[in-house]
Amino acid sequence: MNTNDTNKKLEILMLSRDHKILDGNSEVFSRMKEYAHLAEELYIVVFSKNINSRAESRDCDNLHIYPAKSLLDMYRIGKKIIHNSRFMIHDSVITAQDPFETGLVGYWLKKKFKIPLQLQAHTDFLSPYFFKESLKNKIRVLLARFLIKRADRLRVVSERIRNSIIENCKLKNSCLPAGRENWKFVRWDLSFIRRTHFKKGGEAGWTHVLFHYL
């Protein structure tokens, strides 16, 4: 891959359950606009039980947000985005905001289109307290254990979560130091996916690298 390819911004498909992304006046929406500066185009599909039935798609420069009525609807919308936007394998990435339901949709899309998948972990789902909390959490833990070993990249929010995953899931680890400059780690993360996802000959390879994002 040449230098120009490496410097080119990525097309990003984000799968989320945070309904506040749909609110143009929210802090979360403002943060997504900042993320969009790091991408060629940022597409976000949001599924949440709190989404108003009248919620509509929103476009803001290179930021595109779509409400989904269900996880299957999220998959359908994601598939349509990848088709219509002509995502290229070397210049795109799917990021799911949890290793549970949205992670499963991301995995389906990864399998269909061979696009690298990044999973995010915002809670210590391998904690015994999380597991014991409910039947839903027990299912989520089993699902997360399956998915994180099939993702190309994993982002975590704390040292404790990172260590928990490494210890319990036996992943290879390379960790950037945590810091206040959140965005530079996101930028490094996306470029790293591009460099490490493909082996010689263009075949997809597995990478398990964790780092902090605050």
N, C-alpha and C. Protein backbone atom coordinates (compact mmCIF):
# COMPACT_ATOMS: atom_id res chain seq x y z
N MET A 1 0.85 -1.19 0.00
CA MET A 1 0.00 0.00 0.00
C MET A 1 0.88 1.24 0.00
N ASN A 2 0.65 2.21 -0.88
CA ASN A 2 1.52 3.36 -0.96
C ASN A 2 1.17 4.40 0.08
N THR A 3 2.01 5.44 0.19
CA THR A 3 1.85 6.48 1.20
C THR A 3 0.56 7.24 1.03
N ASN A 4 0.17 7.51 -0.21
CA ASN A 4 -1.07 8.24 -0.46
C ASN A 4 -2.27 7.49 0.07
N ASP A 5 -2.26 6.14 -0.09
CA ASP A 5 -3.35 5.33 0.42
C ASP A 5 -3.43 5.43 1.94
N THR A 6 -2.25 5.43 2.60
CA THR A 6 -2.20 5.47 4.05
C THR A 6 -2.73 6.79 4.58
N ASN A 7 -2.48 7.90 3.87
CA ASN A 7 -2.89 9.21 4.33
C ASN A 7 -4.36 9.52 4.03
N LYS A 8 -4.96 8.76 3.15
CA LYS A 8 -6.35 9.01 2.78
C LYS A 8 -7.26 8.72 3.97
N LYS A 9 -8.26 9.58 4.17
CA LYS A 9 -9.20 9.38 5.27
C LYS A 9 -10.10 8.19 4.98
N LEU A 10 -10.60 7.60 6.07
CA LEU A 10 -11.43 6.42 5.94
C LEU A 10 -12.92 6.75 5.89
N GLU A 11 -13.67 5.88 5.23
CA GLU A 11 -15.13 5.88 5.33
C GLU A 11 -15.46 5.07 6.59
N ILE A 12 -16.25 5.64 7.48
CA ILE A 12 -16.54 4.99 8.75
C ILE A 12 -18.04 4.75 8.91
N LEU A 13 -18.40 3.52 9.25
CA LEU A 13 -19.77 3.19 9.61
C LEU A 13 -19.80 2.89 11.10
N MET A 14 -20.52 3.70 11.87
CA MET A 14 -20.62 3.52 13.31
C MET A 14 -22.00 2.97 13.66
N LEU A 15 -22.03 1.96 14.52
CA LEU A 15 -23.27 1.37 15.00
C LEU A 15 -23.42 1.72 16.47
N SER A 16 -24.54 2.35 16.84
CA SER A 16 -24.68 2.89 18.19
C SER A 16 -26.07 2.63 18.76
N ARG A 17 -26.16 2.67 20.09
CA ARG A 17 -27.45 2.60 20.77
C ARG A 17 -27.71 3.87 21.58
N ASP A 18 -26.95 4.90 21.32
CA ASP A 18 -27.09 6.17 22.05
C ASP A 18 -28.05 7.09 21.29
N HIS A 19 -29.30 7.17 21.75
CA HIS A 19 -30.32 7.95 21.03
C HIS A 19 -30.04 9.44 21.05
N LYS A 20 -29.15 9.90 21.95
CA LYS A 20 -28.83 11.32 22.02
C LYS A 20 -28.10 11.81 20.77
N ILE A 21 -27.51 10.87 20.01
CA ILE A 21 -26.84 11.24 18.76
C ILE A 21 -27.83 11.87 17.80
N LEU A 22 -29.10 11.48 17.91
CA LEU A 22 -30.13 12.00 17.01
C LEU A 22 -30.58 13.41 17.38
N ASP A 23 -30.18 13.89 18.56
CA ASP A 23 -30.55 15.22 19.02
C ASP A 23 -29.47 16.21 18.61
N GLY A 24 -29.80 17.08 17.66
CA GLY A 24 -28.82 18.03 17.14
C GLY A 24 -28.32 19.03 18.16
N ASN A 25 -28.95 19.11 19.32
CA ASN A 25 -28.54 20.05 20.36
C ASN A 25 -27.75 19.38 21.49
N SER A 26 -27.53 18.08 21.37
CA SER A 26 -26.87 17.34 22.44
C SER A 26 -25.34 17.41 22.35
N GLU A 27 -24.71 17.18 23.48
CA GLU A 27 -23.24 17.14 23.53
C GLU A 27 -22.72 15.96 22.72
N VAL A 28 -23.47 14.87 22.74
CA VAL A 28 -23.04 13.68 21.99
C VAL A 28 -23.02 13.96 20.49
N PHE A 29 -24.05 14.67 20.01
CA PHE A 29 -24.08 15.02 18.59
C PHE A 29 -22.88 15.89 18.22
N SER A 30 -22.55 16.85 19.09
CA SER A 30 -21.39 17.72 18.85
C SER A 30 -20.11 16.90 18.79
N ARG A 31 -20.01 15.88 19.66
CA ARG A 31 -18.82 15.04 19.66
C ARG A 31 -18.72 14.24 18.37
N MET A 32 -19.86 13.79 17.85
CA MET A 32 -19.86 13.05 16.60
C MET A 32 -19.41 13.95 15.43
N LYS A 33 -19.76 15.22 15.49
CA LYS A 33 -19.30 16.16 14.45
C LYS A 33 -17.78 16.27 14.49
N GLU A 34 -17.21 16.22 15.69
CA GLU A 34 -15.75 16.26 15.80
C GLU A 34 -15.13 14.99 15.23
N TYR A 35 -15.72 13.85 15.54
CA TYR A 35 -15.25 12.58 14.97
C TYR A 35 -15.26 12.63 13.44
N ALA A 36 -16.28 13.26 12.90
CA ALA A 36 -16.44 13.29 11.44
C ALA A 36 -15.26 14.00 10.76
N HIS A 37 -14.60 14.91 11.47
CA HIS A 37 -13.44 15.60 10.89
C HIS A 37 -12.29 14.62 10.58
N LEU A 38 -12.29 13.48 11.27
CA LEU A 38 -11.22 12.49 11.07
C LEU A 38 -11.52 11.52 9.94
N ALA A 39 -12.72 11.64 9.37
CA ALA A 39 -13.15 10.67 8.36
C ALA A 39 -13.43 11.35 7.02
N GLU A 40 -13.41 10.55 5.97
CA GLU A 40 -13.88 11.02 4.68
C GLU A 40 -15.39 11.23 4.78
N GLU A 41 -16.09 10.21 5.28
CA GLU A 41 -17.51 10.29 5.58
C GLU A 41 -17.75 9.46 6.83
N LEU A 42 -18.61 9.96 7.73
CA LEU A 42 -18.97 9.21 8.93
C LEU A 42 -20.48 8.94 8.90
N TYR A 43 -20.83 7.66 8.84
CA TYR A 43 -22.22 7.23 8.83
C TYR A 43 -22.53 6.58 10.18
N ILE A 44 -23.58 7.03 10.84
CA ILE A 44 -23.95 6.48 12.15
C ILE A 44 -25.36 5.94 12.09
N VAL A 45 -25.52 4.68 12.45
CA VAL A 45 -26.84 4.06 12.54
C VAL A 45 -27.15 3.87 14.02
N VAL A 46 -28.27 4.42 14.48
CA VAL A 46 -28.61 4.41 15.90
C VAL A 46 -29.86 3.58 16.14
N PHE A 47 -29.74 2.58 17.02
CA PHE A 47 -30.92 1.83 17.46
C PHE A 47 -31.07 1.98 18.97
N SER A 48 -32.23 2.39 19.41
CA SER A 48 -32.51 2.52 20.84
C SER A 48 -34.00 2.47 21.06
N LYS A 49 -34.42 1.88 22.17
CA LYS A 49 -35.85 1.84 22.51
C LYS A 49 -36.38 3.24 22.82
N ASN A 50 -35.46 4.18 23.08
CA ASN A 50 -35.86 5.54 23.40
C ASN A 50 -36.02 6.44 22.18
N ILE A 51 -35.77 5.89 20.98
CA ILE A 51 -35.90 6.68 19.76
C ILE A 51 -37.37 6.96 19.46
N ASN A 52 -37.65 8.22 19.21
CA ASN A 52 -39.01 8.62 18.83
C ASN A 52 -39.35 8.01 17.46
N SER A 53 -40.59 7.54 17.32
CA SER A 53 -41.01 6.92 16.06
C SER A 53 -40.94 7.90 14.89
N ARG A 54 -40.91 9.20 15.20
CA ARG A 54 -40.84 10.22 14.15
C ARG A 54 -39.40 10.65 13.84
N ALA A 55 -38.45 10.02 14.50
CA ALA A 55 -37.05 10.39 14.27
C ALA A 55 -36.68 10.23 12.80
N GLU A 56 -35.94 11.20 12.30
CA GLU A 56 -35.57 11.19 10.89
C GLU A 56 -34.05 11.18 10.72
N SER A 57 -33.63 10.79 9.53
CA SER A 57 -32.20 10.83 9.21
C SER A 57 -31.73 12.28 9.21
N ARG A 58 -30.43 12.45 9.48
CA ARG A 58 -29.87 13.79 9.55
C ARG A 58 -28.53 13.81 8.82
N ASP A 59 -28.29 14.85 8.04
CA ASP A 59 -27.01 15.04 7.35
C ASP A 59 -26.42 16.37 7.76
N CYS A 60 -25.15 16.36 8.11
CA CYS A 60 -24.44 17.58 8.50
C CYS A 60 -23.04 17.50 7.93
N ASP A 61 -22.82 18.13 6.78
CA ASP A 61 -21.55 18.02 6.06
C ASP A 61 -21.26 16.54 5.77
N ASN A 62 -20.16 16.00 6.33
CA ASN A 62 -19.83 14.61 6.05
C ASN A 62 -20.29 13.66 7.15
N LEU A 63 -21.20 14.15 8.01
CA LEU A 63 -21.79 13.33 9.06
C LEU A 63 -23.22 12.95 8.66
N HIS A 64 -23.53 11.65 8.68
CA HIS A 64 -24.83 11.17 8.25
C HIS A 64 -25.38 10.23 9.33
N ILE A 65 -26.57 10.54 9.85
CA ILE A 65 -27.13 9.79 10.98
C ILE A 65 -28.47 9.19 10.59
N TYR A 66 -28.66 7.90 10.94
CA TYR A 66 -29.87 7.19 10.57
C TYR A 66 -30.46 6.47 11.79
N PRO A 67 -31.75 6.67 12.09
CA PRO A 67 -32.39 5.92 13.17
C PRO A 67 -32.79 4.53 12.68
N ALA A 68 -32.68 3.53 13.56
CA ALA A 68 -33.07 2.17 13.22
C ALA A 68 -34.12 1.68 14.21
N LYS A 69 -35.11 0.95 13.71
CA LYS A 69 -36.22 0.48 14.54
C LYS A 69 -35.89 -0.81 15.28
N SER A 70 -34.87 -1.52 14.81
CA SER A 70 -34.48 -2.79 15.42
C SER A 70 -33.05 -3.12 15.01
N LEU A 71 -32.50 -4.19 15.57
CA LEU A 71 -31.16 -4.59 15.18
C LEU A 71 -31.13 -5.08 13.74
N LEU A 72 -32.18 -5.76 13.30
CA LEU A 72 -32.25 -6.18 11.90
C LEU A 72 -32.36 -4.97 10.98
N ASP A 73 -33.07 -3.95 11.43
CA ASP A 73 -33.16 -2.71 10.66
C ASP A 73 -31.80 -2.04 10.60
N MET A 74 -31.05 -2.09 11.73
CA MET A 74 -29.70 -1.54 11.76
C MET A 74 -28.82 -2.24 10.73
N TYR A 75 -28.92 -3.56 10.65
CA TYR A 75 -28.15 -4.33 9.67
C TYR A 75 -28.55 -3.94 8.25
N ARG A 76 -29.85 -3.83 8.01
CA ARG A 76 -30.34 -3.48 6.68
C ARG A 76 -29.84 -2.10 6.26
N ILE A 77 -29.91 -1.14 7.16
CA ILE A 77 -29.45 0.22 6.85
C ILE A 77 -27.94 0.24 6.63
N GLY A 78 -27.20 -0.48 7.50
CA GLY A 78 -25.75 -0.55 7.34
C GLY A 78 -25.36 -1.15 6.01
N LYS A 79 -26.04 -2.21 5.62
CA LYS A 79 -25.76 -2.86 4.33
C LYS A 79 -26.03 -1.91 3.17
N LYS A 80 -27.12 -1.16 3.28
CA LYS A 80 -27.47 -0.20 2.22
C LYS A 80 -26.42 0.91 2.13
N ILE A 81 -25.95 1.40 3.28
CA ILE A 81 -24.93 2.45 3.29
C ILE A 81 -23.66 1.97 2.60
N ILE A 82 -23.22 0.76 2.96
CA ILE A 82 -21.99 0.22 2.37
C ILE A 82 -22.13 0.05 0.87
N HIS A 83 -23.29 -0.42 0.42
CA HIS A 83 -23.54 -0.58 -1.01
C HIS A 83 -23.56 0.77 -1.71
N ASN A 84 -24.38 1.69 -1.21
CA ASN A 84 -24.60 2.96 -1.90
C ASN A 84 -23.37 3.86 -1.86
N SER A 85 -22.60 3.77 -0.78
CA SER A 85 -21.42 4.63 -0.64
C SER A 85 -20.17 3.97 -1.23
N ARG A 86 -20.35 2.74 -1.69
CA ARG A 86 -19.25 2.01 -2.33
C ARG A 86 -18.01 1.94 -1.43
N PHE A 87 -18.22 1.47 -0.21
CA PHE A 87 -17.10 1.30 0.72
C PHE A 87 -16.06 0.39 0.08
N MET A 88 -14.79 0.80 0.15
CA MET A 88 -13.69 -0.01 -0.32
C MET A 88 -13.04 -0.68 0.89
N ILE A 89 -12.67 -1.94 0.76
CA ILE A 89 -12.16 -2.71 1.89
C ILE A 89 -10.96 -2.02 2.56
N HIS A 90 -10.04 -1.46 1.76
CA HIS A 90 -8.83 -0.87 2.31
C HIS A 90 -9.06 0.54 2.85
N ASP A 91 -10.19 1.14 2.57
CA ASP A 91 -10.42 2.54 2.93
C ASP A 91 -11.66 2.74 3.79
N SER A 92 -12.06 1.71 4.52
CA SER A 92 -13.26 1.83 5.33
C SER A 92 -13.15 0.97 6.58
N VAL A 93 -13.98 1.27 7.58
CA VAL A 93 -14.00 0.51 8.82
C VAL A 93 -15.39 0.58 9.43
N ILE A 94 -15.77 -0.49 10.11
CA ILE A 94 -17.02 -0.53 10.87
C ILE A 94 -16.65 -0.46 12.35
N THR A 95 -17.28 0.43 13.10
CA THR A 95 -17.05 0.51 14.53
C THR A 95 -18.36 0.36 15.27
N ALA A 96 -18.41 -0.56 16.23
CA ALA A 96 -19.62 -0.80 17.01
C ALA A 96 -19.37 -0.32 18.44
N GLN A 97 -20.34 0.37 19.01
CA GLN A 97 -20.13 1.02 20.31
C GLN A 97 -20.29 0.09 21.50
N ASP A 98 -20.50 -1.19 21.27
CA ASP A 98 -20.44 -2.18 22.34
C ASP A 98 -20.14 -3.54 21.73
N PRO A 99 -19.64 -4.48 22.53
CA PRO A 99 -19.35 -5.82 22.01
C PRO A 99 -20.54 -6.75 22.14
N PHE A 100 -21.73 -6.18 22.23
CA PHE A 100 -22.96 -6.96 22.41
C PHE A 100 -23.82 -6.89 21.15
N GLU A 101 -24.99 -6.26 21.25
CA GLU A 101 -25.93 -6.23 20.13
C GLU A 101 -25.37 -5.50 18.91
N THR A 102 -24.84 -4.28 19.11
CA THR A 102 -24.31 -3.56 17.95
C THR A 102 -23.07 -4.26 17.40
N GLY A 103 -22.30 -4.88 18.30
CA GLY A 103 -21.14 -5.65 17.86
C GLY A 103 -21.54 -6.81 16.98
N LEU A 104 -22.68 -7.44 17.30
CA LEU A 104 -23.16 -8.56 16.49
C LEU A 104 -23.54 -8.08 15.09
N VAL A 105 -24.22 -6.94 15.01
CA VAL A 105 -24.56 -6.38 13.69
C VAL A 105 -23.28 -6.05 12.92
N GLY A 106 -22.30 -5.47 13.63
CA GLY A 106 -21.02 -5.18 12.98
C GLY A 106 -20.34 -6.43 12.45
N TYR A 107 -20.43 -7.51 13.22
CA TYR A 107 -19.84 -8.78 12.79
C TYR A 107 -20.53 -9.32 11.55
N TRP A 108 -21.87 -9.22 11.49
CA TRP A 108 -22.60 -9.65 10.29
C TRP A 108 -22.13 -8.87 9.07
N LEU A 109 -21.97 -7.55 9.24
CA LEU A 109 -21.54 -6.70 8.11
C LEU A 109 -20.10 -7.00 7.73
N LYS A 110 -19.26 -7.26 8.72
CA LYS A 110 -17.87 -7.60 8.45
C LYS A 110 -17.79 -8.90 7.63
N LYS A 111 -18.58 -9.89 8.02
CA LYS A 111 -18.56 -11.16 7.32
C LYS A 111 -19.04 -11.01 5.88
N LYS A 112 -20.03 -10.16 5.67
CA LYS A 112 -20.59 -10.00 4.33
C LYS A 112 -19.68 -9.21 3.41
N PHE A 113 -19.08 -8.13 3.95
CA PHE A 113 -18.32 -7.22 3.08
C PHE A 113 -16.81 -7.27 3.29
N LYS A 114 -16.32 -8.06 4.26
CA LYS A 114 -14.88 -8.18 4.52
C LYS A 114 -14.25 -6.85 4.94
N ILE A 115 -15.03 -6.00 5.59
CA ILE A 115 -14.53 -4.71 6.06
C ILE A 115 -14.08 -4.87 7.52
N PRO A 116 -12.93 -4.30 7.90
CA PRO A 116 -12.44 -4.46 9.27
C PRO A 116 -13.43 -3.92 10.30
N LEU A 117 -13.48 -4.62 11.44
CA LEU A 117 -14.42 -4.29 12.51
C LEU A 117 -13.68 -3.87 13.77
N GLN A 118 -14.08 -2.73 14.31
CA GLN A 118 -13.58 -2.25 15.59
C GLN A 118 -14.72 -2.32 16.61
N LEU A 119 -14.46 -2.95 17.76
CA LEU A 119 -15.44 -2.98 18.83
C LEU A 119 -15.00 -2.06 19.96
N GLN A 120 -15.96 -1.43 20.62
CA GLN A 120 -15.68 -0.57 21.76
C GLN A 120 -16.22 -1.21 23.03
N ALA A 121 -15.47 -1.08 24.11
CA ALA A 121 -15.91 -1.62 25.41
C ALA A 121 -15.93 -0.48 26.42
N HIS A 122 -17.12 -0.11 26.86
CA HIS A 122 -17.29 1.00 27.79
C HIS A 122 -17.62 0.52 29.20
N THR A 123 -17.72 -0.79 29.39
CA THR A 123 -18.01 -1.33 30.71
C THR A 123 -17.23 -2.63 30.90
N ASP A 124 -16.96 -2.98 32.16
CA ASP A 124 -16.22 -4.21 32.44
C ASP A 124 -17.19 -5.38 32.41
N PHE A 125 -17.49 -5.85 31.20
CA PHE A 125 -18.49 -6.90 31.03
C PHE A 125 -18.00 -8.27 31.50
N LEU A 126 -16.71 -8.40 31.78
CA LEU A 126 -16.19 -9.66 32.28
C LEU A 126 -16.14 -9.70 33.81
N SER A 127 -16.62 -8.65 34.43
CA SER A 127 -16.73 -8.62 35.89
C SER A 127 -17.79 -9.61 36.33
N PRO A 128 -17.56 -10.36 37.42
CA PRO A 128 -18.58 -11.30 37.90
C PRO A 128 -19.87 -10.60 38.30
N TYR A 129 -19.78 -9.34 38.71
CA TYR A 129 -20.97 -8.59 39.08
C TYR A 129 -21.85 -8.32 37.86
N PHE A 130 -21.21 -8.01 36.72
CA PHE A 130 -21.96 -7.78 35.49
C PHE A 130 -22.66 -9.07 35.06
N PHE A 131 -21.96 -10.17 35.15
CA PHE A 131 -22.50 -11.46 34.73
C PHE A 131 -23.71 -11.86 35.57
N LYS A 132 -23.64 -11.62 36.88
CA LYS A 132 -24.70 -12.05 37.80
C LYS A 132 -25.92 -11.13 37.80
N GLU A 133 -25.79 -9.97 37.20
CA GLU A 133 -26.84 -8.96 37.29
C GLU A 133 -28.15 -9.39 36.66
N SER A 134 -28.10 -10.09 35.54
CA SER A 134 -29.34 -10.49 34.85
C SER A 134 -29.04 -11.58 33.82
N LEU A 135 -30.10 -12.22 33.36
CA LEU A 135 -29.96 -13.21 32.30
C LEU A 135 -29.47 -12.54 31.02
N LYS A 136 -29.97 -11.33 30.75
CA LYS A 136 -29.53 -10.60 29.57
C LYS A 136 -28.02 -10.39 29.58
N ASN A 137 -27.48 -10.03 30.75
CA ASN A 137 -26.04 -9.82 30.85
C ASN A 137 -25.26 -11.11 30.64
N LYS A 138 -25.79 -12.22 31.12
CA LYS A 138 -25.12 -13.51 30.92
C LYS A 138 -25.01 -13.81 29.42
N ILE A 139 -26.07 -13.56 28.70
CA ILE A 139 -26.06 -13.77 27.24
C ILE A 139 -25.09 -12.80 26.58
N ARG A 140 -25.07 -11.55 27.05
CA ARG A 140 -24.17 -10.54 26.49
C ARG A 140 -22.71 -10.92 26.68
N VAL A 141 -22.38 -11.47 27.84
CA VAL A 141 -20.99 -11.88 28.09
C VAL A 141 -20.57 -12.98 27.13
N LEU A 142 -21.42 -13.96 26.92
CA LEU A 142 -21.11 -15.04 25.98
C LEU A 142 -20.95 -14.49 24.57
N LEU A 143 -21.82 -13.55 24.21
CA LEU A 143 -21.75 -12.94 22.88
C LEU A 143 -20.46 -12.14 22.73
N ALA A 144 -20.11 -11.37 23.76
CA ALA A 144 -18.89 -10.54 23.70
C ALA A 144 -17.64 -11.41 23.58
N ARG A 145 -17.59 -12.50 24.31
CA ARG A 145 -16.44 -13.40 24.23
C ARG A 145 -16.27 -13.94 22.80
N PHE A 146 -17.38 -14.21 22.16
CA PHE A 146 -17.34 -14.69 20.77
C PHE A 146 -16.87 -13.59 19.83
N LEU A 147 -17.40 -12.37 20.01
CA LEU A 147 -17.17 -11.30 19.04
C LEU A 147 -15.77 -10.70 19.13
N ILE A 148 -15.25 -10.48 20.33
CA ILE A 148 -13.98 -9.75 20.43
C ILE A 148 -12.82 -10.53 19.83
N LYS A 149 -12.95 -11.85 19.78
CA LYS A 149 -11.89 -12.65 19.15
C LYS A 149 -12.00 -12.63 17.63
N ARG A 150 -13.08 -12.06 17.13
CA ARG A 150 -13.29 -11.99 15.68
C ARG A 150 -13.24 -10.55 15.17
N ALA A 151 -12.98 -9.61 16.07
CA ALA A 151 -12.83 -8.21 15.67
C ALA A 151 -11.38 -7.95 15.29
N ASP A 152 -11.16 -6.87 14.58
CA ASP A 152 -9.80 -6.51 14.16
C ASP A 152 -9.17 -5.50 15.12
N ARG A 153 -10.01 -4.92 15.97
CA ARG A 153 -9.51 -3.86 16.83
C ARG A 153 -10.48 -3.70 18.00
N LEU A 154 -9.95 -3.34 19.16
CA LEU A 154 -10.80 -3.15 20.33
C LEU A 154 -10.36 -1.89 21.07
N ARG A 155 -11.32 -1.03 21.37
CA ARG A 155 -11.04 0.19 22.13
C ARG A 155 -11.70 0.07 23.49
N VAL A 156 -10.97 0.46 24.51
CA VAL A 156 -11.49 0.38 25.87
C VAL A 156 -11.35 1.73 26.55
N VAL A 157 -12.09 1.92 27.65
CA VAL A 157 -12.09 3.23 28.30
C VAL A 157 -11.27 3.26 29.58
N SER A 158 -10.71 2.12 29.99
CA SER A 158 -9.94 2.13 31.23
C SER A 158 -8.91 1.01 31.24
N GLU A 159 -7.90 1.19 32.07
CA GLU A 159 -6.86 0.19 32.27
C GLU A 159 -7.46 -1.10 32.83
N ARG A 160 -8.42 -0.96 33.72
CA ARG A 160 -9.03 -2.12 34.36
C ARG A 160 -9.75 -3.00 33.33
N ILE A 161 -10.50 -2.37 32.43
CA ILE A 161 -11.21 -3.13 31.39
C ILE A 161 -10.21 -3.79 30.45
N ARG A 162 -9.17 -3.05 30.10
CA ARG A 162 -8.15 -3.62 29.22
C ARG A 162 -7.54 -4.87 29.83
N ASN A 163 -7.12 -4.78 31.10
CA ASN A 163 -6.49 -5.92 31.76
C ASN A 163 -7.45 -7.09 31.91
N SER A 164 -8.71 -6.78 32.18
CA SER A 164 -9.72 -7.82 32.33
C SER A 164 -9.89 -8.61 31.04
N ILE A 165 -9.94 -7.91 29.92
CA ILE A 165 -10.12 -8.58 28.63
C ILE A 165 -8.89 -9.39 28.26
N ILE A 166 -7.71 -8.81 28.46
CA ILE A 166 -6.48 -9.53 28.11
C ILE A 166 -6.36 -10.82 28.93
N GLU A 167 -6.67 -10.72 30.22
CA GLU A 167 -6.54 -11.88 31.10
C GLU A 167 -7.56 -12.97 30.77
N ASN A 168 -8.79 -12.57 30.48
CA ASN A 168 -9.86 -13.55 30.28
C ASN A 168 -9.98 -14.06 28.86
N CYS A 169 -9.54 -13.26 27.90
CA CYS A 169 -9.74 -13.63 26.49
C CYS A 169 -8.45 -13.96 25.76
N LYS A 170 -7.32 -13.82 26.45
CA LYS A 170 -6.02 -14.21 25.87
C LYS A 170 -5.75 -13.48 24.55
N LEU A 171 -5.92 -12.17 24.54
CA LEU A 171 -5.67 -11.40 23.33
C LEU A 171 -4.25 -10.87 23.31
N LYS A 172 -3.73 -10.65 22.11
CA LYS A 172 -2.46 -9.95 21.96
C LYS A 172 -2.72 -8.49 22.29
N ASN A 173 -1.73 -7.81 22.83
CA ASN A 173 -1.97 -6.46 23.30
C ASN A 173 -0.87 -5.50 22.91
N SER A 174 -1.27 -4.33 22.45
CA SER A 174 -0.37 -3.20 22.23
C SER A 174 -1.15 -1.97 22.62
N CYS A 175 -0.68 -1.25 23.63
CA CYS A 175 -1.51 -0.20 24.21
C CYS A 175 -0.84 1.16 24.15
N LEU A 176 -1.53 2.13 23.59
CA LEU A 176 -1.05 3.50 23.63
C LEU A 176 -1.29 4.06 25.02
N PRO A 177 -0.45 4.97 25.48
CA PRO A 177 -0.69 5.58 26.79
C PRO A 177 -1.93 6.45 26.74
N ALA A 178 -2.68 6.45 27.84
CA ALA A 178 -3.86 7.30 27.93
C ALA A 178 -3.43 8.75 28.06
N GLY A 179 -4.26 9.66 27.59
CA GLY A 179 -3.93 11.07 27.68
C GLY A 179 -5.14 11.93 27.46
N ARG A 180 -4.97 13.23 27.61
CA ARG A 180 -6.08 14.15 27.48
C ARG A 180 -6.47 14.39 26.02
N GLU A 181 -5.53 14.23 25.10
CA GLU A 181 -5.80 14.53 23.69
C GLU A 181 -6.51 13.34 23.05
N ASN A 182 -7.78 13.22 23.33
CA ASN A 182 -8.59 12.09 22.86
C ASN A 182 -8.47 11.85 21.37
N TRP A 183 -8.57 12.91 20.56
CA TRP A 183 -8.70 12.76 19.12
C TRP A 183 -7.47 12.14 18.47
N LYS A 184 -6.27 12.42 18.99
CA LYS A 184 -5.09 11.87 18.32
C LYS A 184 -5.06 10.35 18.44
N PHE A 185 -5.63 9.80 19.51
CA PHE A 185 -5.67 8.36 19.66
C PHE A 185 -6.67 7.75 18.69
N VAL A 186 -7.78 8.45 18.47
CA VAL A 186 -8.75 7.98 17.49
C VAL A 186 -8.12 7.95 16.11
N ARG A 187 -7.39 9.01 15.77
CA ARG A 187 -6.76 9.10 14.45
C ARG A 187 -5.73 7.98 14.30
N TRP A 188 -4.92 7.75 15.32
CA TRP A 188 -3.92 6.69 15.28
C TRP A 188 -4.60 5.34 15.09
N ASP A 189 -5.71 5.15 15.81
CA ASP A 189 -6.43 3.89 15.76
C ASP A 189 -6.89 3.57 14.36
N LEU A 190 -7.48 4.53 13.67
CA LEU A 190 -8.02 4.29 12.34
C LEU A 190 -6.91 4.00 11.34
N SER A 191 -5.79 4.74 11.44
CA SER A 191 -4.69 4.50 10.52
C SER A 191 -4.05 3.14 10.80
N PHE A 192 -4.05 2.73 12.07
CA PHE A 192 -3.47 1.43 12.42
C PHE A 192 -4.28 0.29 11.83
N ILE A 193 -5.62 0.44 11.84
CA ILE A 193 -6.47 -0.57 11.22
C ILE A 193 -6.09 -0.75 9.77
N ARG A 194 -5.88 0.36 9.08
CA ARG A 194 -5.54 0.29 7.66
C ARG A 194 -4.22 -0.45 7.44
N ARG A 195 -3.23 -0.18 8.31
CA ARG A 195 -1.91 -0.77 8.10
C ARG A 195 -1.85 -2.25 8.45
N THR A 196 -2.66 -2.67 9.46
CA THR A 196 -2.48 -4.03 9.98
C THR A 196 -3.55 -5.01 9.56
N HIS A 197 -4.65 -4.54 8.99
CA HIS A 197 -5.74 -5.46 8.68
C HIS A 197 -5.40 -6.36 7.50
N PHE A 198 -4.51 -5.91 6.62
CA PHE A 198 -4.26 -6.68 5.41
C PHE A 198 -2.83 -7.21 5.35
N LYS A 199 -2.72 -8.48 5.04
CA LYS A 199 -1.43 -9.11 4.81
C LYS A 199 -1.05 -8.91 3.35
N LYS A 200 0.13 -9.36 2.97
CA LYS A 200 0.53 -9.29 1.57
C LYS A 200 -0.45 -10.10 0.73
N GLY A 201 -0.80 -9.53 -0.41
CA GLY A 201 -1.77 -10.20 -1.27
C GLY A 201 -3.18 -9.75 -1.00
N GLY A 202 -3.37 -8.88 0.02
CA GLY A 202 -4.67 -8.31 0.27
C GLY A 202 -5.61 -9.16 1.11
N GLU A 203 -5.09 -10.25 1.70
CA GLU A 203 -5.97 -11.09 2.50
C GLU A 203 -6.10 -10.51 3.90
N ALA A 204 -7.31 -10.59 4.42
CA ALA A 204 -7.56 -10.04 5.75
C ALA A 204 -6.80 -10.82 6.81
N GLY A 205 -6.25 -10.12 7.80
CA GLY A 205 -5.55 -10.77 8.90
C GLY A 205 -6.17 -10.33 10.21
N TRP A 206 -5.94 -11.09 11.30
CA TRP A 206 -6.53 -10.76 12.59
C TRP A 206 -5.57 -9.90 13.40
N THR A 207 -6.09 -8.89 14.02
CA THR A 207 -5.30 -8.03 14.89
C THR A 207 -6.10 -7.77 16.16
N HIS A 208 -5.48 -7.98 17.32
CA HIS A 208 -6.16 -7.67 18.57
C HIS A 208 -5.30 -6.68 19.34
N VAL A 209 -5.63 -5.42 19.25
CA VAL A 209 -4.86 -4.38 19.90
C VAL A 209 -5.81 -3.51 20.70
N LEU A 210 -5.47 -3.22 21.92
CA LEU A 210 -6.33 -2.44 22.78
C LEU A 210 -5.65 -1.13 23.15
N PHE A 211 -6.43 -0.07 23.32
CA PHE A 211 -5.84 1.16 23.82
C PHE A 211 -6.90 1.99 24.52
N HIS A 212 -6.47 2.93 25.31
CA HIS A 212 -7.37 3.79 26.04
C HIS A 212 -7.96 4.87 25.16
N TYR A 213 -9.15 5.29 25.49
CA TYR A 213 -9.69 6.51 24.92
C TYR A 213 -10.55 7.12 26.00
N LEU A 214 -10.31 8.36 26.34
CA LEU A 214 -10.93 8.99 27.51
C LEU A 214 -12.06 9.91 27.12
